[in-house]
Amino acid sequence: EHLGDELIGHLSRDGTAIEARERPAHTRGAAATPAPAAQSSLS
């Protein structure tokens, strides 16, 4: 509404740290995570 029709000279991009009160998720490797069993048509 306020800047959509205006011309912006510079757009500055940056990332900042956000601390959270929760435990970090531990991602396991592909070898430790077994793949789901697919539906088989074998005897």
PDB file of all heavy atoms in Angstrom:
ATOM      1  N   GLU A   1       0.816  -1.215   0.000  1.00  0.00           N
ATOM      2  CA  GLU A   1       0.000   0.000   0.000  1.00  0.00           C
ATOM      3  C   GLU A   1       0.844   1.257   0.000  1.00  0.00           C
ATOM      4  O   GLU A   1       0.550   2.215  -0.731  1.00  0.00           O
ATOM      5  CB  GLU A   1      -0.916   0.000   1.220  1.00  0.00           C
ATOM      6  CG  GLU A   1      -1.786   1.250   1.336  1.00  0.00           C
ATOM      7  CD  GLU A   1      -2.618   1.262   2.589  1.00  0.00           C
ATOM      8  OE1 GLU A   1      -2.554   0.276   3.366  1.00  0.00           O
ATOM      9  OE2 GLU A   1      -3.332   2.255   2.816  1.00  0.00           O
ATOM     10  N   HIS A   2       1.923   1.277   0.795  1.00  0.00           N
ATOM     11  CA  HIS A   2       2.688   2.507   0.977  1.00  0.00           C
ATOM     12  C   HIS A   2       3.955   2.563   0.125  1.00  0.00           C
ATOM     13  O   HIS A   2       4.421   3.661  -0.189  1.00  0.00           O
ATOM     14  CB  HIS A   2       3.069   2.665   2.448  1.00  0.00           C
ATOM     15  CG  HIS A   2       1.890   2.858   3.354  1.00  0.00           C
ATOM     16  ND1 HIS A   2       1.222   4.056   3.457  1.00  0.00           N
ATOM     17  CD2 HIS A   2       1.249   1.993   4.184  1.00  0.00           C
ATOM     18  CE1 HIS A   2       0.225   3.935   4.317  1.00  0.00           C
ATOM     19  NE2 HIS A   2       0.214   2.686   4.767  1.00  0.00           N
ATOM     20  N   LEU A   3       4.535   1.420  -0.230  1.00  0.00           N
ATOM     21  CA  LEU A   3       5.778   1.426  -1.000  1.00  0.00           C
ATOM     22  C   LEU A   3       5.677   0.667  -2.313  1.00  0.00           C
ATOM     23  O   LEU A   3       6.661   0.577  -3.040  1.00  0.00           O
ATOM     24  CB  LEU A   3       6.918   0.813  -0.166  1.00  0.00           C
ATOM     25  CG  LEU A   3       7.254   1.494   1.156  1.00  0.00           C
ATOM     26  CD1 LEU A   3       8.387   0.758   1.854  1.00  0.00           C
ATOM     27  CD2 LEU A   3       7.624   2.945   0.948  1.00  0.00           C
ATOM     28  N   GLY A   4       4.508   0.115  -2.622  1.00  0.00           N
ATOM     29  CA  GLY A   4       4.385  -0.692  -3.826  1.00  0.00           C
ATOM     30  C   GLY A   4       4.563   0.089  -5.106  1.00  0.00           C
ATOM     31  O   GLY A   4       5.083  -0.438  -6.097  1.00  0.00           O
ATOM     32  N   ASP A   5       4.146   1.359  -5.129  1.00  0.00           N
ATOM     33  CA  ASP A   5       4.254   2.183  -6.330  1.00  0.00           C
ATOM     34  C   ASP A   5       5.463   3.102  -6.310  1.00  0.00           C
ATOM     35  O   ASP A   5       5.609   3.954  -7.200  1.00  0.00           O
ATOM     36  CB  ASP A   5       2.985   3.038  -6.484  1.00  0.00           C
ATOM     37  CG  ASP A   5       1.744   2.185  -6.660  1.00  0.00           C
ATOM     38  OD1 ASP A   5       1.884   1.061  -7.178  1.00  0.00           O
ATOM     39  OD2 ASP A   5       0.653   2.640  -6.269  1.00  0.00           O
ATOM     40  N   GLU A   6       6.330   2.948  -5.303  1.00  0.00           N
ATOM     41  CA  GLU A   6       7.494   3.823  -5.184  1.00  0.00           C
ATOM     42  C   GLU A   6       8.746   3.125  -5.711  1.00  0.00           C
ATOM     43  O   GLU A   6       8.774   1.907  -5.899  1.00  0.00           O
ATOM     44  CB  GLU A   6       7.701   4.241  -3.726  1.00  0.00           C
ATOM     45  CG  GLU A   6       6.451   4.787  -3.058  1.00  0.00           C
ATOM     46  CD  GLU A   6       5.903   6.005  -3.767  1.00  0.00           C
ATOM     47  OE1 GLU A   6       6.697   6.733  -4.380  1.00  0.00           O
ATOM     48  OE2 GLU A   6       4.685   6.229  -3.716  1.00  0.00           O
ATOM     49  N   LEU A   7       9.771   3.902  -5.935  1.00  0.00           N
ATOM     50  CA  LEU A   7      11.046   3.396  -6.428  1.00  0.00           C
ATOM     51  C   LEU A   7      12.042   3.385  -5.272  1.00  0.00           C
ATOM     52  O   LEU A   7      12.369   4.438  -4.717  1.00  0.00           O
ATOM     53  CB  LEU A   7      11.574   4.261  -7.571  1.00  0.00           C
ATOM     54  CG  LEU A   7      12.882   3.796  -8.222  1.00  0.00           C
ATOM     55  CD1 LEU A   7      12.698   2.430  -8.859  1.00  0.00           C
ATOM     56  CD2 LEU A   7      13.356   4.812  -9.260  1.00  0.00           C
ATOM     57  N   ILE A   8      12.501   2.193  -4.898  1.00  0.00           N
ATOM     58  CA  ILE A   8      13.458   2.021  -3.811  1.00  0.00           C
ATOM     59  C   ILE A   8      14.858   1.947  -4.410  1.00  0.00           C
ATOM     60  O   ILE A   8      15.102   1.161  -5.327  1.00  0.00           O
ATOM     61  CB  ILE A   8      13.150   0.757  -2.997  1.00  0.00           C
ATOM     62  CG1 ILE A   8      11.692   0.768  -2.519  1.00  0.00           C
ATOM     63  CG2 ILE A   8      14.093   0.637  -1.813  1.00  0.00           C
ATOM     64  CD1 ILE A   8      11.347   1.903  -1.610  1.00  0.00           C
ATOM     65  N   GLY A   9      15.760   2.734  -3.879  1.00  0.00           N
ATOM     66  CA  GLY A   9      17.114   2.740  -4.412  1.00  0.00           C
ATOM     67  C   GLY A   9      17.894   1.482  -4.068  1.00  0.00           C
ATOM     68  O   GLY A   9      18.314   0.729  -4.946  1.00  0.00           O
ATOM     69  N   HIS A  10      18.087   1.243  -2.769  1.00  0.00           N
ATOM     70  CA  HIS A  10      18.887   0.112  -2.314  1.00  0.00           C
ATOM     71  C   HIS A  10      18.046  -0.790  -1.418  1.00  0.00           C
ATOM     72  O   HIS A  10      17.299  -0.305  -0.571  1.00  0.00           O
ATOM     73  CB  HIS A  10      20.117   0.595  -1.533  1.00  0.00           C
ATOM     74  CG  HIS A  10      20.965   1.570  -2.288  1.00  0.00           C
ATOM     75  ND1 HIS A  10      20.672   2.920  -2.312  1.00  0.00           N
ATOM     76  CD2 HIS A  10      22.065   1.399  -3.051  1.00  0.00           C
ATOM     77  CE1 HIS A  10      21.583   3.541  -3.047  1.00  0.00           C
ATOM     78  NE2 HIS A  10      22.423   2.637  -3.509  1.00  0.00           N
ATOM     79  N   LEU A  11      18.203  -2.079  -1.602  1.00  0.00           N
ATOM     80  CA  LEU A  11      17.562  -3.082  -0.758  1.00  0.00           C
ATOM     81  C   LEU A  11      18.678  -3.877  -0.081  1.00  0.00           C
ATOM     82  O   LEU A  11      19.401  -4.625  -0.738  1.00  0.00           O
ATOM     83  CB  LEU A  11      16.671  -4.003  -1.587  1.00  0.00           C
ATOM     84  CG  LEU A  11      15.421  -4.569  -0.910  1.00  0.00           C
ATOM     85  CD1 LEU A  11      14.522  -3.442  -0.454  1.00  0.00           C
ATOM     86  CD2 LEU A  11      14.674  -5.481  -1.845  1.00  0.00           C
ATOM     87  N   SER A  12      18.825  -3.690   1.226  1.00  0.00           N
ATOM     88  CA  SER A  12      19.907  -4.325   1.979  1.00  0.00           C
ATOM     89  C   SER A  12      19.414  -5.646   2.555  1.00  0.00           C
ATOM     90  O   SER A  12      18.358  -5.695   3.187  1.00  0.00           O
ATOM     91  CB  SER A  12      20.381  -3.401   3.107  1.00  0.00           C
ATOM     92  OG  SER A  12      20.839  -2.166   2.582  1.00  0.00           O
ATOM     93  N   ARG A  13      20.194  -6.688   2.358  1.00  0.00           N
ATOM     94  CA  ARG A  13      19.814  -8.047   2.776  1.00  0.00           C
ATOM     95  C   ARG A  13      20.788  -8.540   3.841  1.00  0.00           C
ATOM     96  O   ARG A  13      22.007  -8.441   3.677  1.00  0.00           O
ATOM     97  CB  ARG A  13      19.811  -8.977   1.566  1.00  0.00           C
ATOM     98  CG  ARG A  13      19.278 -10.369   1.825  1.00  0.00           C
ATOM     99  CD  ARG A  13      19.020 -11.082   0.513  1.00  0.00           C
ATOM    100  NE  ARG A  13      17.993 -10.395  -0.245  1.00  0.00           N
ATOM    101  CZ  ARG A  13      18.166  -9.943  -1.485  1.00  0.00           C
ATOM    102  NH1 ARG A  13      19.325 -10.121  -2.102  1.00  0.00           N
ATOM    103  NH2 ARG A  13      17.180  -9.322  -2.108  1.00  0.00           N
ATOM    104  N   ASP A  14      20.241  -9.088   4.915  1.00  0.00           N
ATOM    105  CA  ASP A  14      21.099  -9.582   5.989  1.00  0.00           C
ATOM    106  C   ASP A  14      20.318 -10.558   6.851  1.00  0.00           C
ATOM    107  O   ASP A  14      19.079 -10.538   6.870  1.00  0.00           O
ATOM    108  CB  ASP A  14      21.612  -8.419   6.854  1.00  0.00           C
ATOM    109  CG  ASP A  14      22.776  -8.827   7.741  1.00  0.00           C
ATOM    110  OD1 ASP A  14      23.366  -9.891   7.476  1.00  0.00           O
ATOM    111  OD2 ASP A  14      23.099  -8.094   8.700  1.00  0.00           O
ATOM    112  N   GLY A  15      21.037 -11.419   7.562  1.00  0.00           N
ATOM    113  CA  GLY A  15      20.441 -12.374   8.489  1.00  0.00           C
ATOM    114  C   GLY A  15      20.939 -12.120   9.892  1.00  0.00           C
ATOM    115  O   GLY A  15      22.096 -11.726  10.102  1.00  0.00           O
ATOM    116  N   THR A  16      20.082 -12.340  10.869  1.00  0.00           N
ATOM    117  CA  THR A  16      20.433 -12.104  12.261  1.00  0.00           C
ATOM    118  C   THR A  16      20.048 -13.303  13.098  1.00  0.00           C
ATOM    119  O   THR A  16      19.083 -14.028  12.780  1.00  0.00           O
ATOM    120  CB  THR A  16      19.736 -10.840  12.797  1.00  0.00           C
ATOM    121  OG1 THR A  16      20.156 -10.587  14.131  1.00  0.00           O
ATOM    122  CG2 THR A  16      18.221 -10.976  12.764  1.00  0.00           C
ATOM    123  N   ALA A  17      20.790 -13.532  14.178  1.00  0.00           N
ATOM    124  CA  ALA A  17      20.565 -14.687  15.049  1.00  0.00           C
ATOM    125  C   ALA A  17      19.353 -14.444  15.941  1.00  0.00           C
ATOM    126  O   ALA A  17      19.183 -13.360  16.500  1.00  0.00           O
ATOM    127  CB  ALA A  17      21.806 -14.950  15.894  1.00  0.00           C
ATOM    128  N   ILE A  18      18.531 -15.467  16.088  1.00  0.00           N
ATOM    129  CA  ILE A  18      17.365 -15.432  16.969  1.00  0.00           C
ATOM    130  C   ILE A  18      17.507 -16.581  17.969  1.00  0.00           C
ATOM    131  O   ILE A  18      17.450 -17.752  17.589  1.00  0.00           O
ATOM    132  CB  ILE A  18      16.049 -15.579  16.176  1.00  0.00           C
ATOM    133  CG1 ILE A  18      15.917 -14.451  15.141  1.00  0.00           C
ATOM    134  CG2 ILE A  18      14.862 -15.580  17.126  1.00  0.00           C
ATOM    135  CD1 ILE A  18      15.833 -13.066  15.735  1.00  0.00           C
ATOM    136  N   GLU A  19      17.720 -16.241  19.223  1.00  0.00           N
ATOM    137  CA  GLU A  19      17.866 -17.249  20.257  1.00  0.00           C
ATOM    138  C   GLU A  19      16.485 -17.725  20.715  1.00  0.00           C
ATOM    139  O   GLU A  19      15.577 -16.918  20.918  1.00  0.00           O
ATOM    140  CB  GLU A  19      18.656 -16.702  21.438  1.00  0.00           C
ATOM    141  CG  GLU A  19      20.090 -16.326  21.088  1.00  0.00           C
ATOM    142  CD  GLU A  19      20.881 -15.902  22.300  1.00  0.00           C
ATOM    143  OE1 GLU A  19      20.330 -16.014  23.422  1.00  0.00           O
ATOM    144  OE2 GLU A  19      22.031 -15.454  22.132  1.00  0.00           O
ATOM    145  N   ALA A  20      16.356 -19.027  20.884  1.00  0.00           N
ATOM    146  CA  ALA A  20      15.081 -19.623  21.282  1.00  0.00           C
ATOM    147  C   ALA A  20      15.280 -20.485  22.513  1.00  0.00           C
ATOM    148  O   ALA A  20      16.378 -21.012  22.760  1.00  0.00           O
ATOM    149  CB  ALA A  20      14.496 -20.466  20.147  1.00  0.00           C
ATOM    150  N   ARG A  21      14.212 -20.625  23.292  1.00  0.00           N
ATOM    151  CA  ARG A  21      14.242 -21.444  24.500  1.00  0.00           C
ATOM    152  C   ARG A  21      13.731 -22.849  24.199  1.00  0.00           C
ATOM    153  O   ARG A  21      12.685 -23.269  24.676  1.00  0.00           O
ATOM    154  CB  ARG A  21      13.396 -20.797  25.593  1.00  0.00           C
ATOM    155  CG  ARG A  21      13.975 -19.514  26.131  1.00  0.00           C
ATOM    156  CD  ARG A  21      13.217 -19.054  27.367  1.00  0.00           C
ATOM    157  NE  ARG A  21      13.867 -17.947  28.031  1.00  0.00           N
ATOM    158  CZ  ARG A  21      13.479 -17.436  29.191  1.00  0.00           C
ATOM    159  NH1 ARG A  21      12.420 -17.949  29.806  1.00  0.00           N
ATOM    160  NH2 ARG A  21      14.123 -16.429  29.736  1.00  0.00           N
ATOM    161  N   GLU A  22      14.462 -23.576  23.387  1.00  0.00           N
ATOM    162  CA  GLU A  22      14.122 -24.955  23.072  1.00  0.00           C
ATOM    163  C   GLU A  22      15.387 -25.698  22.676  1.00  0.00           C
ATOM    164  O   GLU A  22      16.403 -25.083  22.298  1.00  0.00           O
ATOM    165  CB  GLU A  22      13.091 -25.027  21.935  1.00  0.00           C
ATOM    166  CG  GLU A  22      13.469 -24.273  20.685  1.00  0.00           C
ATOM    167  CD  GLU A  22      12.386 -24.352  19.634  1.00  0.00           C
ATOM    168  OE1 GLU A  22      11.948 -25.483  19.335  1.00  0.00           O
ATOM    169  OE2 GLU A  22      11.970 -23.306  19.118  1.00  0.00           O
ATOM    170  N   ARG A  23      15.315 -26.989  22.784  1.00  0.00           N
ATOM    171  CA  ARG A  23      16.483 -27.798  22.473  1.00  0.00           C
ATOM    172  C   ARG A  23      16.673 -27.904  20.962  1.00  0.00           C
ATOM    173  O   ARG A  23      15.696 -28.045  20.225  1.00  0.00           O
ATOM    174  CB  ARG A  23      16.340 -29.190  23.078  1.00  0.00           C
ATOM    175  CG  ARG A  23      16.386 -29.207  24.604  1.00  0.00           C
ATOM    176  CD  ARG A  23      16.357 -30.629  25.124  1.00  0.00           C
ATOM    177  NE  ARG A  23      16.463 -30.669  26.584  1.00  0.00           N
ATOM    178  CZ  ARG A  23      16.486 -31.780  27.295  1.00  0.00           C
ATOM    179  NH1 ARG A  23      16.382 -32.958  26.663  1.00  0.00           N
ATOM    180  NH2 ARG A  23      16.596 -31.740  28.608  1.00  0.00           N
ATOM    181  N   PRO A  24      17.915 -27.885  20.512  1.00  0.00           N
ATOM    182  CA  PRO A  24      18.140 -28.037  19.071  1.00  0.00           C
ATOM    183  C   PRO A  24      17.817 -29.440  18.603  1.00  0.00           C
ATOM    184  O   PRO A  24      18.008 -30.426  19.329  1.00  0.00           O
ATOM    185  CB  PRO A  24      19.636 -27.716  18.899  1.00  0.00           C
ATOM    186  CG  PRO A  24      20.231 -27.999  20.240  1.00  0.00           C
ATOM    187  CD  PRO A  24      19.177 -27.666  21.254  1.00  0.00           C
ATOM    188  N   ALA A  25      17.307 -29.532  17.398  1.00  0.00           N
ATOM    189  CA  ALA A  25      16.973 -30.831  16.811  1.00  0.00           C
ATOM    190  C   ALA A  25      18.240 -31.487  16.309  1.00  0.00           C
ATOM    191  O   ALA A  25      19.026 -30.882  15.578  1.00  0.00           O
ATOM    192  CB  ALA A  25      15.973 -30.649  15.671  1.00  0.00           C
ATOM    193  N   HIS A  26      18.456 -32.732  16.699  1.00  0.00           N
ATOM    194  CA  HIS A  26      19.637 -33.487  16.278  1.00  0.00           C
ATOM    195  C   HIS A  26      19.259 -34.307  15.055  1.00  0.00           C
ATOM    196  O   HIS A  26      18.476 -35.250  15.144  1.00  0.00           O
ATOM    197  CB  HIS A  26      20.135 -34.392  17.398  1.00  0.00           C
ATOM    198  CG  HIS A  26      20.558 -33.646  18.626  1.00  0.00           C
ATOM    199  ND1 HIS A  26      21.742 -32.954  18.714  1.00  0.00           N
ATOM    200  CD2 HIS A  26      19.932 -33.465  19.817  1.00  0.00           C
ATOM    201  CE1 HIS A  26      21.843 -32.393  19.901  1.00  0.00           C
ATOM    202  NE2 HIS A  26      20.753 -32.681  20.592  1.00  0.00           N
ATOM    203  N   THR A  27      19.818 -33.965  13.919  1.00  0.00           N
ATOM    204  CA  THR A  27      19.545 -34.694  12.679  1.00  0.00           C
ATOM    205  C   THR A  27      20.487 -35.884  12.589  1.00  0.00           C
ATOM    206  O   THR A  27      21.698 -35.756  12.743  1.00  0.00           O
ATOM    207  CB  THR A  27      19.743 -33.774  11.474  1.00  0.00           C
ATOM    208  OG1 THR A  27      21.080 -33.250  11.509  1.00  0.00           O
ATOM    209  CG2 THR A  27      18.758 -32.622  11.524  1.00  0.00           C
ATOM    210  N   ARG A  28      19.906 -37.026  12.334  1.00  0.00           N
ATOM    211  CA  ARG A  28      20.700 -38.237  12.180  1.00  0.00           C
ATOM    212  C   ARG A  28      21.023 -38.467  10.709  1.00  0.00           C
ATOM    213  O   ARG A  28      20.281 -38.069   9.828  1.00  0.00           O
ATOM    214  CB  ARG A  28      19.939 -39.439  12.734  1.00  0.00           C
ATOM    215  CG  ARG A  28      19.687 -39.352  14.231  1.00  0.00           C
ATOM    216  CD  ARG A  28      18.932 -40.569  14.722  1.00  0.00           C
ATOM    217  NE  ARG A  28      17.589 -40.634  14.153  1.00  0.00           N
ATOM    218  CZ  ARG A  28      16.739 -41.613  14.385  1.00  0.00           C
ATOM    219  NH1 ARG A  28      17.102 -42.632  15.148  1.00  0.00           N
ATOM    220  NH2 ARG A  28      15.532 -41.604  13.843  1.00  0.00           N
ATOM    221  N   GLY A  29      22.108 -39.160  10.474  1.00  0.00           N
ATOM    222  CA  GLY A  29      22.546 -39.427   9.119  1.00  0.00           C
ATOM    223  C   GLY A  29      21.644 -40.413   8.417  1.00  0.00           C
ATOM    224  O   GLY A  29      20.766 -41.055   8.999  1.00  0.00           O
ATOM    225  N   ALA A  30      21.891 -40.557   7.124  1.00  0.00           N
ATOM    226  CA  ALA A  30      21.057 -41.458   6.327  1.00  0.00           C
ATOM    227  C   ALA A  30      21.238 -42.911   6.749  1.00  0.00           C
ATOM    228  O   ALA A  30      20.320 -43.719   6.678  1.00  0.00           O
ATOM    229  CB  ALA A  30      21.378 -41.293   4.844  1.00  0.00           C
ATOM    230  N   ALA A  31      22.455 -43.248   7.236  1.00  0.00           N
ATOM    231  CA  ALA A  31      22.689 -44.639   7.639  1.00  0.00           C
ATOM    232  C   ALA A  31      21.960 -44.983   8.923  1.00  0.00           C
ATOM    233  O   ALA A  31      21.538 -46.116   9.141  1.00  0.00           O
ATOM    234  CB  ALA A  31      24.194 -44.886   7.823  1.00  0.00           C
ATOM    235  N   ALA A  32      21.797 -43.986   9.824  1.00  0.00           N
ATOM    236  CA  ALA A  32      21.131 -44.246  11.093  1.00  0.00           C
ATOM    237  C   ALA A  32      19.625 -44.226  10.955  1.00  0.00           C
ATOM    238  O   ALA A  32      18.921 -44.750  11.806  1.00  0.00           O
ATOM    239  CB  ALA A  32      21.564 -43.223  12.141  1.00  0.00           C
ATOM    240  N   THR A  33      19.099 -43.618   9.918  1.00  0.00           N
ATOM    241  CA  THR A  33      17.653 -43.521   9.723  1.00  0.00           C
ATOM    242  C   THR A  33      17.233 -44.511   8.650  1.00  0.00           C
ATOM    243  O   THR A  33      17.509 -44.319   7.470  1.00  0.00           O
ATOM    244  CB  THR A  33      17.266 -42.099   9.282  1.00  0.00           C
ATOM    245  OG1 THR A  33      17.793 -41.181  10.234  1.00  0.00           O
ATOM    246  CG2 THR A  33      15.767 -41.956   9.184  1.00  0.00           C
ATOM    247  N   PRO A  34      16.590 -45.621   9.018  1.00  0.00           N
ATOM    248  CA  PRO A  34      16.202 -46.610   8.000  1.00  0.00           C
ATOM    249  C   PRO A  34      15.078 -46.091   7.132  1.00  0.00           C
ATOM    250  O   PRO A  34      14.208 -45.353   7.582  1.00  0.00           O
ATOM    251  CB  PRO A  34      15.742 -47.813   8.838  1.00  0.00           C
ATOM    252  CG  PRO A  34      15.312 -47.208  10.149  1.00  0.00           C
ATOM    253  CD  PRO A  34      16.198 -46.024  10.378  1.00  0.00           C
ATOM    254  N   ALA A  35      15.111 -46.487   5.882  1.00  0.00           N
ATOM    255  CA  ALA A  35      14.069 -46.061   4.954  1.00  0.00           C
ATOM    256  C   ALA A  35      12.788 -46.815   5.241  1.00  0.00           C
ATOM    257  O   ALA A  35      12.808 -47.983   5.657  1.00  0.00           O
ATOM    258  CB  ALA A  35      14.511 -46.318   3.511  1.00  0.00           C
ATOM    259  N   PRO A  36      11.617 -46.203   5.042  1.00  0.00           N
ATOM    260  CA  PRO A  36      10.353 -46.908   5.287  1.00  0.00           C
ATOM    261  C   PRO A  36      10.179 -48.064   4.320  1.00  0.00           C
ATOM    262  O   PRO A  36      10.532 -47.984   3.139  1.00  0.00           O
ATOM    263  CB  PRO A  36       9.289 -45.825   5.057  1.00  0.00           C
ATOM    264  CG  PRO A  36       9.969 -44.798   4.203  1.00  0.00           C
ATOM    265  CD  PRO A  36      11.402 -44.822   4.580  1.00  0.00           C
ATOM    266  N   ALA A  37       9.633 -49.173   4.845  1.00  0.00           N
ATOM    267  CA  ALA A  37       9.454 -50.382   4.031  1.00  0.00           C
ATOM    268  C   ALA A  37       8.375 -50.158   2.992  1.00  0.00           C
ATOM    269  O   ALA A  37       7.263 -49.750   3.313  1.00  0.00           O
ATOM    270  CB  ALA A  37       9.092 -51.558   4.927  1.00  0.00           C
ATOM    271  N   ALA A  38       8.693 -50.429   1.750  1.00  0.00           N
ATOM    272  CA  ALA A  38       7.721 -50.260   0.671  1.00  0.00           C
ATOM    273  C   ALA A  38       6.822 -51.488   0.582  1.00  0.00           C
ATOM    274  O   ALA A  38       7.194 -52.599   0.968  1.00  0.00           O
ATOM    275  CB  ALA A  38       8.441 -50.036  -0.659  1.00  0.00           C
ATOM    276  N   GLN A  39       5.621 -51.287   0.072  1.00  0.00           N
ATOM    277  CA  GLN A  39       4.678 -52.392  -0.073  1.00  0.00           C
ATOM    278  C   GLN A  39       5.162 -53.330  -1.173  1.00  0.00           C
ATOM    279  O   GLN A  39       5.396 -52.916  -2.306  1.00  0.00           O
ATOM    280  CB  GLN A  39       3.292 -51.842  -0.403  1.00  0.00           C
ATOM    281  CG  GLN A  39       2.209 -52.913  -0.394  1.00  0.00           C
ATOM    282  CD  GLN A  39       0.853 -52.322  -0.614  1.00  0.00           C
ATOM    283  OE1 GLN A  39       0.744 -51.131  -0.842  1.00  0.00           O
ATOM    284  NE2 GLN A  39      -0.169 -53.158  -0.545  1.00  0.00           N
ATOM    285  N   SER A  40       5.342 -54.622  -0.827  1.00  0.00           N
ATOM    286  CA  SER A  40       5.940 -55.586  -1.737  1.00  0.00           C
ATOM    287  C   SER A  40       4.884 -56.550  -2.243  1.00  0.00           C
ATOM    288  O   SER A  40       3.914 -56.859  -1.559  1.00  0.00           O
ATOM    289  CB  SER A  40       7.065 -56.355  -1.035  1.00  0.00           C
ATOM    290  OG  SER A  40       7.584 -57.338  -1.881  1.00  0.00           O
ATOM    291  N   SER A  41       5.082 -57.052  -3.461  1.00  0.00           N
ATOM    292  CA  SER A  41       4.174 -58.039  -4.051  1.00  0.00           C
ATOM    293  C   SER A  41       4.846 -59.399  -4.182  1.00  0.00           C
ATOM    294  O   SER A  41       4.381 -60.251  -4.920  1.00  0.00           O
ATOM    295  CB  SER A  41       3.721 -57.557  -5.442  1.00  0.00           C
ATOM    296  OG  SER A  41       4.846 -57.389  -6.291  1.00  0.00           O
ATOM    297  N   LEU A  42       5.965 -59.635  -3.458  1.00  0.00           N
ATOM    298  CA  LEU A  42       6.658 -60.903  -3.543  1.00  0.00           C
ATOM    299  C   LEU A  42       5.932 -61.943  -2.698  1.00  0.00           C
ATOM    300  O   LEU A  42       5.147 -61.643  -1.817  1.00  0.00           O
ATOM    301  CB  LEU A  42       8.109 -60.746  -3.048  1.00  0.00           C
ATOM    302  CG  LEU A  42       8.973 -59.750  -3.835  1.00  0.00           C
ATOM    303  CD1 LEU A  42      10.351 -59.650  -3.185  1.00  0.00           C
ATOM    304  CD2 LEU A  42       9.105 -60.172  -5.284  1.00  0.00           C
ATOM    305  N   SER A  43       6.253 -63.196  -2.963  1.00  0.00           N
ATOM    306  CA  SER A  43       5.670 -64.293  -2.190  1.00  0.00           C
ATOM    307  C   SER A  43       6.343 -64.394  -0.831  1.00  0.00           C
ATOM    308  O   SER A  43       7.366 -63.757  -0.570  1.00  0.00           O
ATOM    309  CB  SER A  43       5.845 -65.610  -2.952  1.00  0.00           C
ATOM    310  OG  SER A  43       7.228 -65.889  -3.132  1.00  0.00           O
TER     311      SER A  43
END
